[in-house]
Protein backbone atom coordinates (compact mmCIF):
# COMPACT_ATOMS: atom_id res chain seq x y z
CA MET A 1 -160.72 39.07 -147.73
CA THR A 2 -162.26 41.37 -150.34
CA LYS A 3 -164.04 38.55 -152.21
CA LYS A 4 -167.50 37.68 -150.90
CA LEU A 5 -167.66 34.24 -149.37
CA GLU A 6 -170.25 31.92 -150.91
CA LEU A 7 -172.25 29.97 -148.35
CA GLY A 8 -173.68 26.60 -149.31
CA LEU A 9 -175.03 23.36 -147.93
CA ASP A 10 -174.19 19.69 -148.33
CA THR A 11 -176.36 16.68 -147.55
CA PHE A 12 -175.84 12.94 -147.89
CA GLY A 13 -179.57 12.30 -147.70
CA ASP A 14 -179.17 10.51 -144.39
CA ALA A 15 -182.00 8.11 -143.53
CA THR A 16 -183.94 10.08 -140.93
CA LEU A 17 -186.62 9.72 -138.27
CA ASP A 18 -189.83 11.69 -138.04
CA LEU A 19 -190.59 13.78 -134.95
CA ASN A 20 -192.16 10.71 -133.29
CA GLY A 21 -189.05 8.60 -133.79
CA ASN A 22 -190.36 6.54 -136.70
CA VAL A 23 -187.96 5.65 -139.53
CA LEU A 24 -188.83 7.35 -142.81
CA SER A 25 -188.72 5.51 -146.11
CA HIS A 26 -185.87 6.32 -148.48
CA ALA A 27 -188.48 7.67 -150.89
CA GLN A 28 -189.72 10.18 -148.31
CA VAL A 29 -186.17 11.21 -147.41
CA ILE A 30 -185.49 11.95 -151.09
CA ARG A 31 -188.64 14.09 -151.31
CA ASN A 32 -187.53 15.89 -148.15
CA VAL A 33 -184.09 16.62 -149.65
CA VAL A 34 -185.81 18.28 -152.61
CA ASP A 35 -187.82 20.47 -150.20
CA GLU A 36 -184.61 21.34 -148.34
CA GLY A 37 -182.98 22.42 -151.60
CA ILE A 38 -185.96 24.61 -152.49
CA LEU A 39 -185.81 26.29 -149.07
CA ALA A 40 -182.06 26.83 -149.44
CA ASP A 41 -182.76 28.77 -152.65
CA GLU A 42 -185.53 30.79 -150.99
CA VAL A 43 -183.22 31.93 -148.16
CA GLY A 44 -180.50 32.99 -150.61
CA LEU A 45 -177.83 30.31 -150.21
CA SER A 46 -175.32 29.84 -153.02
CA PHE A 47 -175.09 26.06 -153.38
CA ILE A 48 -176.51 22.72 -152.34
CA GLY A 49 -174.43 19.59 -152.80
CA ILE A 50 -175.87 16.08 -152.60
CA GLY A 51 -173.72 13.07 -151.79
CA GLU A 52 -173.72 9.66 -153.45
CA HIS A 53 -173.96 6.52 -151.32
CA HIS A 54 -175.03 2.92 -151.83
CA ARG A 55 -175.97 1.76 -148.34
CA ALA A 56 -179.00 1.60 -146.05
CA ASP A 57 -178.21 4.63 -143.90
CA TYR A 58 -178.28 7.05 -146.87
CA ALA A 59 -181.20 7.44 -149.26
CA VAL A 60 -179.50 9.02 -152.29
CA SER A 61 -177.71 6.76 -154.76
CA ALA A 62 -178.50 8.83 -157.89
CA PRO A 63 -177.87 12.41 -156.76
CA GLU A 64 -178.08 14.00 -160.22
CA ILE A 65 -181.78 13.12 -160.40
CA VAL A 66 -182.42 14.75 -157.04
CA MET A 67 -180.38 17.77 -158.16
CA ALA A 68 -182.49 18.03 -161.31
CA ALA A 69 -185.68 18.03 -159.23
CA ILE A 70 -184.28 20.88 -157.13
CA ALA A 71 -183.01 22.77 -160.19
CA ALA A 72 -186.42 22.63 -161.85
CA GLN A 73 -188.04 24.30 -158.83
CA THR A 74 -185.43 26.97 -158.02
CA GLU A 75 -184.04 30.10 -159.62
CA ASN A 76 -180.61 30.96 -158.26
CA ILE A 77 -178.98 28.26 -156.16
CA HIS A 78 -176.23 26.16 -157.75
CA VAL A 79 -176.76 22.41 -157.53
CA GLY A 80 -174.01 19.82 -157.43
CA SER A 81 -172.53 16.71 -155.88
CA ALA A 82 -170.85 16.12 -152.55
CA VAL A 83 -169.08 14.07 -153.92
CA THR A 84 -169.40 12.13 -157.20
CA VAL A 85 -167.52 8.85 -156.61
CA LEU A 86 -165.54 8.96 -159.83
CA SER A 87 -163.46 5.81 -159.20
CA SER A 88 -166.50 3.55 -159.66
CA ASP A 89 -168.28 5.56 -162.34
CA ASP A 90 -167.89 6.20 -166.07
CA PRO A 91 -166.41 9.68 -166.62
CA ILE A 92 -168.29 10.10 -169.89
CA ARG A 93 -171.62 9.32 -168.24
CA VAL A 94 -170.72 11.62 -165.34
CA TYR A 95 -170.05 14.42 -167.79
CA GLN A 96 -173.27 13.74 -169.72
CA ARG A 97 -175.37 13.73 -166.55
CA PHE A 98 -173.91 17.00 -165.34
CA SER A 99 -174.07 18.70 -168.73
CA THR A 100 -177.75 17.71 -168.83
CA LEU A 101 -178.22 19.08 -165.30
CA ASN A 102 -176.47 22.25 -166.41
CA ALA A 103 -179.02 22.63 -169.22
CA ILE A 104 -182.00 22.04 -166.90
CA SER A 105 -180.65 24.56 -164.38
CA ASN A 106 -179.59 27.22 -166.90
CA GLY A 107 -175.91 26.92 -166.01
CA ARG A 108 -176.13 26.23 -162.27
CA ALA A 109 -174.59 22.73 -162.20
CA GLU A 110 -171.35 21.89 -160.41
CA VAL A 111 -169.60 18.57 -159.87
CA ILE A 112 -167.32 17.82 -156.93
CA LEU A 113 -165.16 14.83 -157.79
CA GLY A 114 -163.77 12.49 -155.18
CA ARG A 115 -162.90 8.95 -154.25
CA GLY A 116 -165.58 8.79 -151.56
CA SER A 117 -165.19 7.70 -147.96
CA PHE A 118 -167.17 4.44 -148.41
CA THR A 119 -166.36 1.52 -150.70
CA GLU A 120 -169.75 -0.11 -151.39
CA SER A 121 -169.85 1.22 -154.95
CA PHE A 122 -166.80 -0.85 -155.98
CA PRO A 123 -168.28 -4.36 -155.68
CA LEU A 124 -171.71 -3.02 -156.68
CA PHE A 125 -170.42 -1.80 -160.04
CA GLY A 126 -167.76 -4.44 -160.52
CA TYR A 127 -164.56 -2.53 -159.74
CA PRO A 128 -161.66 -4.06 -157.77
CA LEU A 129 -160.84 -2.25 -154.55
CA ASN A 130 -157.13 -2.99 -154.97
CA GLN A 131 -157.12 -0.58 -157.94
CA TYR A 132 -158.77 2.21 -155.93
CA GLU A 133 -156.05 4.81 -156.60
CA GLU A 134 -155.28 3.87 -160.22
CA LEU A 135 -158.98 3.99 -161.16
CA PHE A 136 -159.41 7.47 -159.71
CA GLU A 137 -156.29 8.86 -161.35
CA GLU A 138 -157.15 7.54 -164.82
CA LYS A 139 -160.81 8.52 -164.65
CA LEU A 140 -159.96 11.99 -163.41
CA ASP A 141 -157.58 12.39 -166.33
CA LEU A 142 -160.35 11.43 -168.76
CA LEU A 143 -162.91 13.72 -167.17
CA SER A 144 -160.51 16.66 -167.09
CA ASN A 145 -160.08 16.22 -170.84
CA LEU A 146 -163.85 16.14 -171.29
CA LEU A 147 -164.11 19.51 -169.52
CA THR A 148 -162.32 21.17 -172.43
CA GLU A 149 -165.33 20.44 -174.71
CA GLU A 150 -162.92 19.57 -177.51
CA PRO A 151 -163.09 16.37 -179.63
CA LEU A 152 -161.32 13.80 -177.49
CA THR A 153 -158.49 11.46 -178.38
CA TRP A 154 -157.49 9.55 -175.24
CA GLU A 155 -156.12 6.20 -174.12
CA GLY A 156 -155.98 4.50 -170.72
CA ASN A 157 -155.73 1.10 -169.05
CA PHE A 158 -159.30 0.52 -167.87
CA ARG A 159 -161.41 1.23 -170.96
CA THR A 160 -161.24 1.34 -174.73
CA ALA A 161 -159.40 4.24 -176.36
CA LEU A 162 -161.22 7.24 -177.81
CA LYS A 163 -160.41 8.94 -181.10
CA ASP A 164 -161.82 12.36 -182.07
CA GLN A 165 -164.82 11.61 -179.87
CA LYS A 166 -167.41 14.30 -179.15
CA VAL A 167 -169.60 13.95 -176.06
CA PHE A 168 -173.16 15.29 -175.94
CA PRO A 169 -174.87 17.42 -174.82
CA PRO A 170 -172.22 20.14 -174.79
CA ILE A 171 -172.24 22.89 -172.18
CA GLU A 172 -174.32 25.77 -173.53
CA GLU A 173 -172.02 28.55 -172.31
CA GLY A 174 -168.52 28.35 -170.83
CA LYS A 175 -167.44 25.14 -169.11
CA LEU A 176 -168.84 22.86 -166.45
CA LYS A 177 -167.59 23.90 -163.02
CA ALA A 178 -165.75 20.96 -161.47
CA TRP A 179 -164.01 20.74 -158.07
CA ILE A 180 -161.84 18.07 -156.49
CA GLY A 181 -162.83 17.02 -152.99
CA VAL A 182 -159.80 16.42 -150.75
CA GLY A 183 -159.68 14.79 -147.34
CA GLY A 184 -156.21 15.98 -146.42
CA SER A 185 -153.42 14.28 -148.38
CA PRO A 186 -150.72 16.43 -150.03
CA GLN A 187 -150.89 14.24 -153.15
CA SER A 188 -154.58 15.04 -153.60
CA VAL A 189 -153.91 18.75 -153.23
CA VAL A 190 -151.17 18.68 -155.88
CA ARG A 191 -153.42 16.59 -158.13
CA ALA A 192 -156.13 19.28 -157.99
CA ALA A 193 -153.56 21.90 -159.00
CA HIS A 194 -152.22 19.67 -161.79
CA TYR A 195 -155.66 19.42 -163.38
CA GLY A 196 -156.44 23.08 -162.78
CA LEU A 197 -159.51 22.36 -160.66
CA PRO A 198 -160.81 24.21 -157.59
CA LEU A 199 -160.11 22.57 -154.23
CA MET A 200 -162.84 21.51 -151.78
CA LEU A 201 -161.40 20.59 -148.38
CA ALA A 202 -163.44 18.06 -146.39
CA ILE A 203 -162.70 19.12 -142.79
CA ILE A 204 -164.75 16.92 -140.49
CA GLY A 205 -162.66 17.00 -137.32
CA GLY A 206 -160.01 19.01 -135.49
CA ASP A 207 -159.14 22.65 -135.96
CA PRO A 208 -159.80 23.78 -139.56
CA VAL A 209 -156.81 26.13 -139.32
CA ARG A 210 -154.50 23.09 -139.40
CA PHE A 211 -155.36 22.77 -143.11
CA ARG A 212 -153.54 26.01 -143.92
CA PRO A 213 -150.41 24.14 -145.11
CA TYR A 214 -152.56 22.36 -147.71
CA VAL A 215 -153.89 25.70 -148.92
CA ASP A 216 -150.33 27.02 -149.19
CA LEU A 217 -149.26 23.87 -151.03
CA TYR A 218 -152.15 24.29 -153.48
CA HIS A 219 -151.21 27.91 -154.18
CA GLN A 220 -147.55 26.98 -154.64
CA ALA A 221 -148.38 24.11 -156.98
CA LEU A 222 -150.66 26.30 -159.10
CA GLU A 223 -147.97 28.95 -159.35
CA GLN A 224 -145.28 26.43 -160.30
CA MET A 225 -147.57 25.06 -163.01
CA GLY A 226 -148.20 28.54 -164.39
CA ARG A 227 -151.89 28.54 -163.42
CA GLU A 228 -153.99 31.39 -162.04
CA PRO A 229 -155.34 31.14 -158.46
CA LEU A 230 -158.46 28.98 -158.21
CA PRO A 231 -161.31 28.81 -155.68
CA ILE A 232 -160.92 26.98 -152.38
CA GLY A 233 -163.87 25.64 -150.40
CA GLN A 234 -164.48 23.96 -147.07
CA HIS A 235 -167.04 21.25 -146.31
CA SER A 236 -167.70 20.74 -142.59
CA PRO A 237 -170.53 19.29 -140.50
CA GLY A 238 -172.82 21.51 -138.50
CA PHE A 239 -176.25 22.39 -137.24
CA VAL A 240 -177.79 25.77 -136.42
CA GLY A 241 -180.28 26.12 -133.58
CA ALA A 242 -181.90 28.86 -131.54
CA ASN A 243 -179.02 28.85 -129.04
CA ASP A 244 -175.87 26.86 -128.33
CA GLU A 245 -177.27 24.48 -125.72
CA ASP A 246 -180.47 23.65 -127.59
CA ALA A 247 -178.54 23.03 -130.83
CA LYS A 248 -176.04 20.71 -129.13
CA GLU A 249 -178.65 18.81 -127.11
CA LEU A 250 -180.78 18.24 -130.19
CA LEU A 251 -177.85 17.13 -132.34
CA TRP A 252 -175.87 15.05 -129.83
CA PRO A 253 -177.78 11.72 -129.82
CA HIS A 254 -178.02 11.65 -133.63
CA TYR A 255 -174.37 12.59 -134.10
CA ARG A 256 -173.26 10.05 -131.47
CA ASP A 257 -175.27 7.24 -133.06
CA MET A 258 -174.04 8.09 -136.57
CA HIS A 259 -170.44 8.04 -135.35
CA ALA A 260 -171.03 4.69 -133.59
CA ARG A 261 -172.65 3.13 -136.68
CA ILE A 262 -169.78 4.05 -138.98
CA GLY A 263 -167.25 3.39 -136.22
CA ARG A 264 -168.35 -0.23 -135.87
CA GLU A 265 -167.29 -0.76 -139.49
CA ARG A 266 -164.00 1.11 -139.18
CA GLY A 267 -162.84 0.25 -135.69
CA TRP A 268 -163.44 3.65 -134.10
CA PRO A 269 -164.11 3.87 -130.36
CA PRO A 270 -167.46 5.34 -129.28
CA LEU A 271 -167.67 9.13 -129.33
CA ALA A 272 -167.51 10.63 -125.84
CA ARG A 273 -169.54 13.72 -125.00
CA GLU A 274 -166.29 15.52 -124.16
CA GLN A 275 -165.03 14.93 -127.71
CA PHE A 276 -168.29 16.23 -129.12
CA GLU A 277 -168.05 19.36 -126.97
CA ALA A 278 -164.46 19.94 -128.08
CA GLU A 279 -165.43 19.69 -131.76
CA ALA A 280 -168.35 22.04 -131.08
CA GLY A 281 -166.01 24.50 -129.32
CA PRO A 282 -164.50 27.65 -130.84
CA ASN A 283 -161.66 25.83 -132.64
CA GLY A 284 -163.43 22.60 -133.64
CA ALA A 285 -164.69 21.60 -137.08
CA LEU A 286 -168.27 20.93 -135.92
CA MET A 287 -170.19 24.14 -136.71
CA VAL A 288 -172.98 23.72 -134.18
CA GLY A 289 -174.74 26.32 -132.07
CA SER A 290 -176.62 29.58 -132.32
CA PRO A 291 -176.46 31.63 -135.52
CA GLU A 292 -173.81 33.89 -133.95
CA THR A 293 -171.65 30.97 -132.78
CA VAL A 294 -171.78 29.25 -136.17
CA ALA A 295 -171.15 32.53 -138.01
CA ARG A 296 -168.05 33.25 -135.94
CA LYS A 297 -166.64 29.76 -136.55
CA ILE A 298 -167.24 29.98 -140.30
CA ALA A 299 -165.69 33.45 -140.48
CA ARG A 300 -162.64 32.18 -138.59
CA SER A 301 -162.16 29.36 -141.09
CA ALA A 302 -162.78 31.62 -144.07
CA ARG A 303 -160.17 34.09 -142.89
CA ALA A 304 -157.55 31.48 -141.95
CA LEU A 305 -157.88 29.42 -145.13
CA GLY A 306 -158.73 32.15 -147.64
CA LEU A 307 -161.99 30.46 -148.57
CA ASP A 308 -164.17 31.26 -151.55
CA ARG A 309 -166.98 28.99 -150.35
CA PHE A 310 -168.07 27.27 -147.17
CA ASP A 311 -170.53 24.35 -147.33
CA LEU A 312 -172.31 23.28 -144.14
CA LYS A 313 -172.94 19.53 -144.09
CA TYR A 314 -176.28 19.86 -142.32
CA SER A 315 -177.57 16.26 -142.55
CA LEU A 316 -176.16 14.45 -139.54
CA GLY A 317 -177.59 11.03 -138.87
CA THR A 318 -181.28 10.56 -138.13
CA LEU A 319 -182.06 14.19 -137.22
CA ALA A 320 -185.62 14.93 -138.38
CA HIS A 321 -186.44 16.84 -141.56
CA GLU A 322 -188.27 19.55 -139.60
CA HIS A 323 -185.11 20.34 -137.63
CA LEU A 324 -183.05 20.35 -140.82
CA MET A 325 -185.45 22.83 -142.40
CA GLU A 326 -185.14 25.16 -139.41
CA CYS A 327 -181.35 24.83 -139.57
CA ILE A 328 -181.41 25.84 -143.26
CA ARG A 329 -183.69 28.78 -142.52
CA LEU A 330 -181.42 30.09 -139.75
CA TYR A 331 -178.30 29.47 -141.83
CA GLY A 332 -179.61 31.48 -144.76
CA THR A 333 -181.40 34.29 -142.95
CA GLU A 334 -179.15 34.81 -139.90
CA VAL A 335 -175.80 33.03 -140.21
CA ALA A 336 -174.99 34.15 -143.77
CA PRO A 337 -175.50 37.89 -143.13
CA MET A 338 -173.46 37.66 -139.91
CA VAL A 339 -170.58 35.90 -141.68
CA HIS A 340 -170.46 38.55 -144.40
CA GLU A 341 -170.61 41.32 -141.80
CA LEU A 342 -167.81 39.78 -139.72
CA LEU A 343 -165.55 39.39 -142.75
CA ALA A 344 -166.33 42.89 -144.03
CA ARG A 345 -165.57 44.34 -140.58
CA GLU A 346 -162.23 42.52 -140.48
CA ASP A 347 -161.40 43.78 -143.96
CA SER A 348 -162.13 47.36 -142.94
CA HIS A 349 -159.66 47.06 -140.04
CA ALA A 350 -156.98 45.26 -142.06
């Protein structure tokens, strides 16, 4: 792996507790996310992605505004979504918001497009859930055309046609960087290749190495379509602490309760401690532990999947802002250098 792996962060702006166990307001959580983004820039991380949700357990419903606040107070870090729920949004407004963010940040905006893992946005914005797939496909087609920056003539089933339409503001230099977030279906992987967009794999459970067939499929599809290789990223949950035991003990009750809350809606059984430990083990997708443990797990994934970027989803339930800030500090100052050293060492012995 001669390319240097980018290391980033993702947050959903989870509603959190303070150190005394009191529930913070959504407004305070949003201010905390901005502080977390500023720290991520200070410790040299490449990217921070902010998720979009429309429910009580997440504070961020308008991530581009939070990204703009971070962009205005940072110098280097790229700011983007994790993910933008395109199915229930207007592709033209998505493009305008991100082109505006790109201007504010001097070219540091990225959008990760996805269908989202929650469905609250559909009734909220008046979209029928039974057209979930068709809405995403058509809106992705429209947005991919917008990325060309050319006057747009386009027709679909869910909105009025466009003829020689320009969209403003344009990107100042180059094109807006857009990814497709994929949860693990072959159709989604091929779709990313079809539109010529980088692939972000959401790996939230099991051994990340099992996603290698999707990576191979993506490469094959790009080649068959006559496209050059494109970046591949991984988004996985994790938390960095002083040592393995402290990190797991601190995270466990918050992770367990988050799993139970979502599980009640989706019919999941409660998470057993043994399952948590397995995911936190050497081959699990939960990147939790000391800086060395987390670095080794990330390097393993990067090598196996040929990653260009790894994003640590560091917000996990009600874990307090102070612990998240320490996680970010350790991730940037200790984990990132170790990952790069491990990969460089493997390259030198290849």
